[in-house]
Amino acid sequence: MSKIIRTEPNKILAKAVEYHGFVYLQGCTAADLSKDITGQTKEVVAAIDAILEQHGTDKTRLLQAQIWLKDIRDRDAMNKVWEAWLPEGMAPARACVQANMADARHLVEIMVTACK
């Protein structure tokens, strides 16, 4: 039976789950909720980088991304950070939608799946 690795699990979620060479990340949000969409997006992609590194992979191995925005009108500003962060030619399959956030101060949440 293949081993399932759960990173920092709690009662409702884990930061990441690794199985068969795939790494599934939690929805990542910014810690500093006073920042605008650009600042929060930069925090989120930095958090994604850190979690992927813990699992021996990186953003060049992204397969899928799901992005939730509090306000879809922030999409262009978020995309500027996203595009600068992604290596050229390495874009994952992606969805980006507007959503009610668990905390109204969250402007963006990003969840990715990567392989090793």
N, C-alpha and C. Protein backbone atom coordinates (compact mmCIF):
# COMPACT_ATOMS: atom_id res chain seq x y z
N MET A 1 0.84 -1.17 0.00
CA MET A 1 0.00 0.00 0.00
C MET A 1 0.89 1.24 0.00
N SER A 2 0.56 2.22 -0.83
CA SER A 2 1.33 3.46 -0.92
C SER A 2 1.12 4.33 0.31
N LYS A 3 2.18 5.01 0.68
CA LYS A 3 2.16 5.88 1.86
C LYS A 3 1.51 7.23 1.52
N ILE A 4 0.66 7.72 2.41
CA ILE A 4 0.07 9.05 2.29
C ILE A 4 0.76 9.93 3.32
N ILE A 5 1.32 11.06 2.87
CA ILE A 5 2.00 11.99 3.75
C ILE A 5 1.13 13.23 3.91
N ARG A 6 0.78 13.54 5.16
CA ARG A 6 -0.04 14.71 5.47
C ARG A 6 0.83 15.72 6.21
N THR A 7 0.92 16.93 5.68
CA THR A 7 1.73 17.98 6.28
C THR A 7 0.88 18.84 7.20
N GLU A 8 1.27 18.89 8.46
CA GLU A 8 0.61 19.70 9.49
C GLU A 8 -0.91 19.50 9.51
N PRO A 9 -1.37 18.26 9.64
CA PRO A 9 -2.81 18.05 9.68
C PRO A 9 -3.42 18.55 11.00
N ASN A 10 -4.65 19.01 10.91
CA ASN A 10 -5.41 19.33 12.12
C ASN A 10 -6.76 18.63 12.00
N LYS A 11 -7.74 19.04 12.75
CA LYS A 11 -9.02 18.34 12.75
C LYS A 11 -9.79 18.47 11.43
N ILE A 12 -9.51 19.54 10.64
CA ILE A 12 -10.30 19.74 9.42
C ILE A 12 -9.51 19.72 8.12
N LEU A 13 -8.19 19.90 8.18
CA LEU A 13 -7.41 19.90 6.94
C LEU A 13 -5.94 19.71 7.22
N ALA A 14 -5.19 19.46 6.14
CA ALA A 14 -3.73 19.42 6.20
C ALA A 14 -3.22 20.49 5.24
N LYS A 15 -2.02 21.03 5.50
CA LYS A 15 -1.45 22.01 4.57
C LYS A 15 -1.26 21.40 3.19
N ALA A 16 -0.90 20.13 3.19
CA ALA A 16 -0.71 19.41 1.93
C ALA A 16 -0.87 17.92 2.19
N VAL A 17 -1.22 17.22 1.12
CA VAL A 17 -1.28 15.76 1.17
C VAL A 17 -0.51 15.25 -0.05
N GLU A 18 0.45 14.37 0.21
CA GLU A 18 1.26 13.80 -0.86
C GLU A 18 0.91 12.32 -1.01
N TYR A 19 0.69 11.92 -2.26
CA TYR A 19 0.35 10.52 -2.54
C TYR A 19 0.77 10.19 -3.96
N HIS A 20 1.50 9.10 -4.12
CA HIS A 20 1.93 8.61 -5.45
C HIS A 20 2.61 9.69 -6.29
N GLY A 21 3.41 10.55 -5.66
CA GLY A 21 4.13 11.58 -6.41
C GLY A 21 3.32 12.82 -6.73
N PHE A 22 2.10 12.90 -6.23
CA PHE A 22 1.28 14.09 -6.41
C PHE A 22 1.18 14.81 -5.07
N VAL A 23 1.18 16.14 -5.12
CA VAL A 23 1.08 16.96 -3.92
C VAL A 23 -0.14 17.87 -4.08
N TYR A 24 -1.08 17.70 -3.17
CA TYR A 24 -2.33 18.46 -3.17
C TYR A 24 -2.25 19.48 -2.04
N LEU A 25 -2.29 20.77 -2.36
CA LEU A 25 -2.19 21.80 -1.34
C LEU A 25 -3.56 22.27 -0.88
N GLN A 26 -3.59 22.74 0.35
CA GLN A 26 -4.78 23.40 0.89
C GLN A 26 -5.01 24.69 0.12
N GLY A 27 -6.15 25.30 0.30
CA GLY A 27 -6.36 26.64 -0.20
C GLY A 27 -5.51 27.58 0.63
N CYS A 28 -4.58 28.28 0.00
CA CYS A 28 -3.66 29.18 0.70
C CYS A 28 -4.19 30.60 0.67
N THR A 29 -4.13 31.27 1.81
CA THR A 29 -4.56 32.66 1.93
C THR A 29 -3.44 33.46 2.59
N ALA A 30 -3.55 34.78 2.49
CA ALA A 30 -2.55 35.67 3.08
C ALA A 30 -2.71 35.73 4.60
N ALA A 31 -1.61 35.96 5.27
CA ALA A 31 -1.65 36.15 6.73
C ALA A 31 -1.96 37.61 7.07
N ASP A 32 -1.43 38.53 6.27
CA ASP A 32 -1.64 39.96 6.51
C ASP A 32 -2.85 40.42 5.70
N LEU A 33 -3.99 40.47 6.34
CA LEU A 33 -5.24 40.79 5.65
C LEU A 33 -5.44 42.29 5.45
N SER A 34 -4.48 43.09 5.87
CA SER A 34 -4.56 44.53 5.62
C SER A 34 -4.04 44.87 4.22
N LYS A 35 -3.38 43.91 3.57
CA LYS A 35 -2.81 44.14 2.24
C LYS A 35 -3.90 44.15 1.17
N ASP A 36 -3.58 44.81 0.04
CA ASP A 36 -4.49 44.81 -1.10
C ASP A 36 -4.34 43.50 -1.88
N ILE A 37 -5.03 43.38 -3.00
CA ILE A 37 -5.02 42.13 -3.76
C ILE A 37 -3.61 41.77 -4.22
N THR A 38 -2.82 42.74 -4.60
CA THR A 38 -1.43 42.48 -5.03
C THR A 38 -0.61 41.91 -3.88
N GLY A 39 -0.69 42.57 -2.73
CA GLY A 39 0.07 42.10 -1.57
C GLY A 39 -0.38 40.74 -1.09
N GLN A 40 -1.69 40.51 -1.05
CA GLN A 40 -2.18 39.20 -0.61
C GLN A 40 -1.78 38.11 -1.60
N THR A 41 -1.85 38.40 -2.89
CA THR A 41 -1.48 37.39 -3.88
C THR A 41 0.01 37.04 -3.77
N LYS A 42 0.85 38.03 -3.53
CA LYS A 42 2.28 37.77 -3.35
C LYS A 42 2.52 36.87 -2.14
N GLU A 43 1.81 37.12 -1.06
CA GLU A 43 1.92 36.27 0.13
C GLU A 43 1.49 34.84 -0.18
N VAL A 44 0.39 34.72 -0.91
CA VAL A 44 -0.16 33.39 -1.22
C VAL A 44 0.81 32.58 -2.07
N VAL A 45 1.35 33.17 -3.13
CA VAL A 45 2.26 32.40 -3.98
C VAL A 45 3.56 32.06 -3.24
N ALA A 46 4.00 32.93 -2.33
CA ALA A 46 5.17 32.61 -1.50
C ALA A 46 4.87 31.42 -0.59
N ALA A 47 3.66 31.37 -0.04
CA ALA A 47 3.26 30.23 0.80
C ALA A 47 3.21 28.95 -0.02
N ILE A 48 2.71 29.04 -1.23
CA ILE A 48 2.67 27.87 -2.12
C ILE A 48 4.09 27.38 -2.40
N ASP A 49 4.99 28.30 -2.71
CA ASP A 49 6.40 27.93 -2.93
C ASP A 49 6.96 27.17 -1.72
N ALA A 50 6.69 27.67 -0.53
CA ALA A 50 7.24 27.05 0.68
C ALA A 50 6.69 25.64 0.90
N ILE A 51 5.40 25.46 0.70
CA ILE A 51 4.80 24.14 0.90
C ILE A 51 5.31 23.16 -0.16
N LEU A 52 5.37 23.60 -1.40
CA LEU A 52 5.88 22.72 -2.46
C LEU A 52 7.31 22.31 -2.17
N GLU A 53 8.13 23.25 -1.70
CA GLU A 53 9.52 22.93 -1.36
C GLU A 53 9.60 21.87 -0.27
N GLN A 54 8.73 21.95 0.72
CA GLN A 54 8.70 20.93 1.78
C GLN A 54 8.49 19.54 1.19
N HIS A 55 7.81 19.47 0.06
CA HIS A 55 7.49 18.18 -0.55
C HIS A 55 8.42 17.85 -1.73
N GLY A 56 9.49 18.60 -1.87
CA GLY A 56 10.48 18.28 -2.88
C GLY A 56 10.05 18.57 -4.30
N THR A 57 9.21 19.57 -4.48
CA THR A 57 8.78 19.96 -5.81
C THR A 57 8.71 21.48 -5.87
N ASP A 58 8.26 22.02 -7.00
CA ASP A 58 8.17 23.47 -7.14
C ASP A 58 7.13 23.85 -8.18
N LYS A 59 7.02 25.15 -8.42
CA LYS A 59 5.98 25.67 -9.31
C LYS A 59 6.15 25.26 -10.77
N THR A 60 7.30 24.73 -11.14
CA THR A 60 7.46 24.23 -12.52
C THR A 60 6.71 22.92 -12.72
N ARG A 61 6.22 22.33 -11.63
CA ARG A 61 5.55 21.03 -11.68
C ARG A 61 4.05 21.15 -11.38
N LEU A 62 3.51 22.37 -11.45
CA LEU A 62 2.08 22.57 -11.20
C LEU A 62 1.24 21.90 -12.27
N LEU A 63 0.18 21.26 -11.85
CA LEU A 63 -0.75 20.62 -12.77
C LEU A 63 -2.08 21.37 -12.85
N GLN A 64 -2.54 21.85 -11.70
CA GLN A 64 -3.85 22.46 -11.62
C GLN A 64 -3.85 23.56 -10.57
N ALA A 65 -4.65 24.61 -10.81
CA ALA A 65 -4.83 25.67 -9.82
C ALA A 65 -6.30 26.07 -9.78
N GLN A 66 -6.78 26.31 -8.59
CA GLN A 66 -8.12 26.84 -8.38
C GLN A 66 -7.94 28.14 -7.61
N ILE A 67 -8.51 29.22 -8.14
CA ILE A 67 -8.34 30.53 -7.54
C ILE A 67 -9.72 31.11 -7.24
N TRP A 68 -9.86 31.57 -6.00
CA TRP A 68 -11.09 32.23 -5.58
C TRP A 68 -10.76 33.68 -5.25
N LEU A 69 -11.52 34.60 -5.82
CA LEU A 69 -11.37 36.02 -5.55
C LEU A 69 -12.61 36.55 -4.86
N LYS A 70 -12.42 37.41 -3.88
CA LYS A 70 -13.57 38.05 -3.24
C LYS A 70 -14.32 38.89 -4.26
N ASP A 71 -13.56 39.55 -5.14
CA ASP A 71 -14.15 40.42 -6.17
C ASP A 71 -13.47 40.11 -7.50
N ILE A 72 -14.22 39.60 -8.45
CA ILE A 72 -13.65 39.19 -9.75
C ILE A 72 -13.00 40.37 -10.47
N ARG A 73 -13.36 41.60 -10.10
CA ARG A 73 -12.72 42.77 -10.70
C ARG A 73 -11.25 42.87 -10.31
N ASP A 74 -10.81 42.10 -9.31
CA ASP A 74 -9.40 42.05 -8.90
C ASP A 74 -8.59 41.07 -9.76
N ARG A 75 -9.25 40.43 -10.72
CA ARG A 75 -8.59 39.38 -11.52
C ARG A 75 -7.34 39.90 -12.24
N ASP A 76 -7.42 41.07 -12.86
CA ASP A 76 -6.26 41.59 -13.60
C ASP A 76 -5.07 41.84 -12.68
N ALA A 77 -5.32 42.44 -11.52
CA ALA A 77 -4.23 42.71 -10.56
C ALA A 77 -3.65 41.40 -10.04
N MET A 78 -4.51 40.43 -9.72
CA MET A 78 -4.02 39.13 -9.27
C MET A 78 -3.23 38.45 -10.38
N ASN A 79 -3.73 38.50 -11.61
CA ASN A 79 -3.03 37.87 -12.73
C ASN A 79 -1.65 38.45 -12.97
N LYS A 80 -1.43 39.73 -12.70
CA LYS A 80 -0.10 40.32 -12.86
C LYS A 80 0.90 39.64 -11.93
N VAL A 81 0.50 39.40 -10.71
CA VAL A 81 1.37 38.70 -9.76
C VAL A 81 1.53 37.24 -10.19
N TRP A 82 0.43 36.60 -10.54
CA TRP A 82 0.43 35.19 -10.96
C TRP A 82 1.36 34.99 -12.16
N GLU A 83 1.23 35.84 -13.18
CA GLU A 83 2.05 35.71 -14.39
C GLU A 83 3.53 35.93 -14.09
N ALA A 84 3.85 36.89 -13.23
CA ALA A 84 5.25 37.14 -12.86
C ALA A 84 5.83 35.98 -12.07
N TRP A 85 4.99 35.31 -11.30
CA TRP A 85 5.43 34.19 -10.45
C TRP A 85 5.64 32.91 -11.25
N LEU A 86 4.78 32.65 -12.22
CA LEU A 86 4.88 31.40 -12.99
C LEU A 86 6.05 31.43 -13.96
N PRO A 87 6.81 30.34 -14.02
CA PRO A 87 7.84 30.25 -15.06
C PRO A 87 7.18 30.20 -16.44
N GLU A 88 7.81 30.82 -17.42
CA GLU A 88 7.25 30.86 -18.77
C GLU A 88 6.99 29.45 -19.30
N GLY A 89 5.82 29.26 -19.85
CA GLY A 89 5.44 27.97 -20.44
C GLY A 89 5.03 26.92 -19.42
N MET A 90 4.88 27.28 -18.15
CA MET A 90 4.59 26.31 -17.10
C MET A 90 3.21 26.51 -16.47
N ALA A 91 2.31 27.19 -17.16
CA ALA A 91 0.98 27.45 -16.58
C ALA A 91 0.20 26.14 -16.41
N PRO A 92 -0.44 25.99 -15.25
CA PRO A 92 -1.28 24.80 -15.01
C PRO A 92 -2.67 24.99 -15.60
N ALA A 93 -3.45 23.93 -15.63
CA ALA A 93 -4.88 24.07 -15.88
C ALA A 93 -5.41 24.90 -14.71
N ARG A 94 -6.36 25.81 -14.98
CA ARG A 94 -6.73 26.75 -13.93
C ARG A 94 -8.18 27.18 -14.03
N ALA A 95 -8.78 27.43 -12.87
CA ALA A 95 -10.08 28.07 -12.78
C ALA A 95 -9.92 29.28 -11.87
N CYS A 96 -10.66 30.34 -12.15
CA CYS A 96 -10.62 31.55 -11.33
C CYS A 96 -12.04 32.08 -11.25
N VAL A 97 -12.58 32.12 -10.04
CA VAL A 97 -13.97 32.55 -9.86
C VAL A 97 -14.10 33.51 -8.68
N GLN A 98 -15.20 34.24 -8.66
CA GLN A 98 -15.54 35.07 -7.51
C GLN A 98 -16.25 34.20 -6.49
N ALA A 99 -15.94 34.45 -5.22
CA ALA A 99 -16.56 33.63 -4.16
C ALA A 99 -16.70 34.44 -2.88
N ASN A 100 -17.67 34.05 -2.08
CA ASN A 100 -17.77 34.58 -0.72
C ASN A 100 -16.67 33.90 0.09
N MET A 101 -15.86 34.71 0.75
CA MET A 101 -14.74 34.17 1.51
C MET A 101 -15.15 33.93 2.95
N ALA A 102 -14.47 33.01 3.62
CA ALA A 102 -14.77 32.69 5.02
C ALA A 102 -14.57 33.91 5.91
N ASP A 103 -13.58 34.73 5.57
CA ASP A 103 -13.33 35.99 6.27
C ASP A 103 -13.37 37.07 5.19
N ALA A 104 -14.19 38.07 5.35
CA ALA A 104 -14.38 39.11 4.33
C ALA A 104 -13.10 39.87 4.00
N ARG A 105 -12.09 39.80 4.87
CA ARG A 105 -10.81 40.48 4.60
C ARG A 105 -9.94 39.70 3.63
N HIS A 106 -10.22 38.41 3.44
CA HIS A 106 -9.47 37.62 2.45
C HIS A 106 -9.91 38.06 1.06
N LEU A 107 -8.94 38.42 0.23
CA LEU A 107 -9.23 38.86 -1.12
C LEU A 107 -8.96 37.77 -2.15
N VAL A 108 -8.11 36.79 -1.80
CA VAL A 108 -7.74 35.73 -2.73
C VAL A 108 -7.39 34.46 -1.95
N GLU A 109 -7.76 33.33 -2.54
CA GLU A 109 -7.37 32.02 -2.01
C GLU A 109 -6.97 31.18 -3.22
N ILE A 110 -5.84 30.50 -3.10
CA ILE A 110 -5.35 29.68 -4.23
C ILE A 110 -5.03 28.29 -3.72
N MET A 111 -5.48 27.29 -4.47
CA MET A 111 -5.25 25.88 -4.17
C MET A 111 -4.61 25.25 -5.42
N VAL A 112 -3.49 24.55 -5.24
CA VAL A 112 -2.82 23.94 -6.38
C VAL A 112 -2.56 22.45 -6.16
N THR A 113 -2.37 21.77 -7.26
CA THR A 113 -1.92 20.38 -7.26
C THR A 113 -0.65 20.34 -8.12
N ALA A 114 0.36 19.66 -7.62
CA ALA A 114 1.62 19.54 -8.33
C ALA A 114 2.07 18.07 -8.31
N CYS A 115 3.03 17.76 -9.18
CA CYS A 115 3.65 16.44 -9.14
C CYS A 115 5.11 16.61 -8.77
N LYS A 116 5.73 15.52 -8.40
CA LYS A 116 7.13 15.57 -8.01
C LYS A 116 8.02 15.34 -9.20
